[in-house]
Amino acid sequence: DVDLLAQQKYGAQKYQRLSRFPSMSQDISLKSANDISYDELRKVVESCANDSTGKVFVTIEPQYIYRAADDSDEKTTTFHLTMSSYDHTLTDKDVKPIMDHIASAALSALGAERV
């Protein structure tokens, strides 16, 4: 409905400059029980990514949810993370703690195992 859309209030858009340094991308796949929702997994991933030291900025995109035809008890949800820094080129040493934090939080909070 166009009228309803026109009534929506949109906040001021914030400008975020681009980093001069290259970004780094990685996927993380979490195997979980079928009754764990995508939203629950996404919230854990986002909260861990936002917990980073503030020097690494993380964007999260959903990739896919896979469930084998013969296994209705488990599913694998994959997220694509793009990390960047405004003051240095990222290395595995910068990214590994973030990925490990996501994996351990997902395991403890939801029983979702990194695969």
Protein backbone atom coordinates (compact mmCIF):
# COMPACT_ATOMS: atom_id res chain seq x y z
CA ASP A 1 0.00 0.00 0.00
CA VAL A 2 1.59 3.24 -1.19
CA ASP A 3 -0.23 5.41 1.35
CA LEU A 4 1.04 3.31 4.24
CA LEU A 5 4.55 3.44 2.83
CA ALA A 6 4.37 7.23 2.50
CA GLN A 7 3.46 7.51 6.18
CA GLN A 8 6.60 5.72 7.32
CA LYS A 9 9.18 7.88 9.04
CA TYR A 10 12.74 7.34 7.95
CA GLY A 11 15.63 8.43 10.12
CA ALA A 12 18.47 10.54 8.88
CA GLN A 13 20.93 8.53 6.83
CA LYS A 14 24.43 8.43 8.30
CA TYR A 15 27.41 8.69 6.04
CA GLN A 16 30.09 6.12 6.69
CA ARG A 17 33.33 6.62 4.85
CA LEU A 18 34.97 3.71 3.10
CA SER A 19 38.13 2.21 4.48
CA ARG A 20 41.36 2.73 2.57
CA PHE A 21 42.38 -0.80 3.56
CA PRO A 22 41.10 -3.98 1.92
CA SER A 23 38.30 -5.88 3.60
CA MET A 24 38.41 -9.56 4.47
CA SER A 25 35.50 -11.96 3.97
CA GLN A 26 34.78 -15.32 5.53
CA ASP A 27 31.81 -17.63 5.80
CA ILE A 28 30.77 -19.33 9.01
CA SER A 29 28.46 -22.35 8.98
CA LEU A 30 26.59 -23.35 12.11
CA LYS A 31 24.95 -26.77 12.44
CA SER A 32 21.96 -26.60 14.75
CA ALA A 33 18.77 -28.38 15.68
CA ASN A 34 15.98 -27.83 13.21
CA ASP A 35 13.86 -26.01 15.79
CA ILE A 36 16.46 -23.23 16.25
CA SER A 37 15.23 -20.31 14.17
CA TYR A 38 17.32 -18.32 11.74
CA ASP A 39 16.58 -15.21 13.78
CA GLU A 40 18.06 -16.76 16.95
CA LEU A 41 21.26 -17.65 15.09
CA ARG A 42 21.45 -14.23 13.43
CA LYS A 43 21.13 -12.45 16.78
CA VAL A 44 24.01 -14.45 18.26
CA VAL A 45 26.22 -13.79 15.22
CA GLU A 46 25.40 -10.06 15.22
CA SER A 47 25.96 -9.62 18.95
CA CYS A 48 29.36 -11.33 18.75
CA ALA A 49 30.39 -9.33 15.70
CA ASN A 50 29.39 -6.11 17.47
CA ASP A 51 31.36 -7.17 20.56
CA SER A 52 34.61 -6.89 18.64
CA THR A 53 37.12 -4.33 19.88
CA GLY A 54 35.65 -1.57 17.74
CA LYS A 55 38.64 -1.59 15.43
CA VAL A 56 37.10 -4.20 13.14
CA PHE A 57 33.78 -3.42 11.48
CA VAL A 58 31.69 -6.42 10.48
CA THR A 59 28.79 -6.71 8.04
CA ILE A 60 26.75 -9.91 8.02
CA GLU A 61 24.80 -11.37 5.13
CA PRO A 62 22.81 -14.60 5.12
CA GLN A 63 24.11 -17.16 2.64
CA TYR A 64 21.91 -20.24 2.87
CA ILE A 65 20.17 -22.75 5.08
CA TYR A 66 20.82 -26.37 4.18
CA ARG A 67 18.86 -29.36 5.43
CA ALA A 68 19.56 -32.81 4.06
CA ALA A 69 16.52 -34.58 2.65
CA ASP A 70 17.07 -37.59 4.90
CA ASP A 71 17.89 -35.58 8.07
CA SER A 72 15.04 -33.47 9.41
CA ASP A 73 16.63 -33.06 12.87
CA GLU A 74 19.52 -30.77 11.90
CA LYS A 75 20.21 -27.91 9.54
CA THR A 76 23.27 -25.86 8.61
CA THR A 77 22.99 -22.08 8.42
CA THR A 78 25.77 -20.13 6.72
CA PHE A 79 26.53 -16.45 7.16
CA HIS A 80 28.92 -14.36 5.06
CA LEU A 81 30.95 -11.89 7.14
CA THR A 82 32.87 -8.99 5.64
CA MET A 83 35.33 -7.36 8.01
CA SER A 84 37.21 -4.12 7.55
CA SER A 85 39.37 -1.72 9.51
CA TYR A 86 39.97 1.98 9.09
CA ASP A 87 43.52 1.93 10.43
CA HIS A 88 45.25 -1.20 9.13
CA THR A 89 45.06 -4.15 6.76
CA LEU A 90 43.38 -7.06 8.49
CA THR A 91 45.15 -10.36 8.94
CA ASP A 92 44.02 -13.77 10.14
CA LYS A 93 45.23 -12.74 13.59
CA ASP A 94 42.56 -9.99 13.63
CA VAL A 95 39.73 -12.10 12.21
CA LYS A 96 40.22 -15.46 13.96
CA PRO A 97 39.18 -14.23 17.44
CA ILE A 98 35.92 -12.83 16.04
CA MET A 99 35.09 -16.08 14.25
CA ASP A 100 36.02 -18.14 17.33
CA HIS A 101 33.88 -15.89 19.55
CA ILE A 102 30.88 -16.38 17.25
CA ALA A 103 31.40 -20.16 17.21
CA SER A 104 31.72 -20.49 20.99
CA ALA A 105 28.74 -18.20 21.68
CA ALA A 106 26.53 -20.10 19.21
CA LEU A 107 27.54 -23.40 20.80
CA SER A 108 26.91 -22.26 24.37
CA ALA A 109 23.71 -20.29 23.71
CA LEU A 110 22.01 -22.50 21.11
CA GLY A 111 23.98 -25.72 20.84
CA ALA A 112 24.94 -24.73 17.28
CA GLU A 113 28.24 -26.25 16.26
CA ARG A 114 30.65 -24.66 13.79
CA VAL A 115 31.26 -26.88 10.77
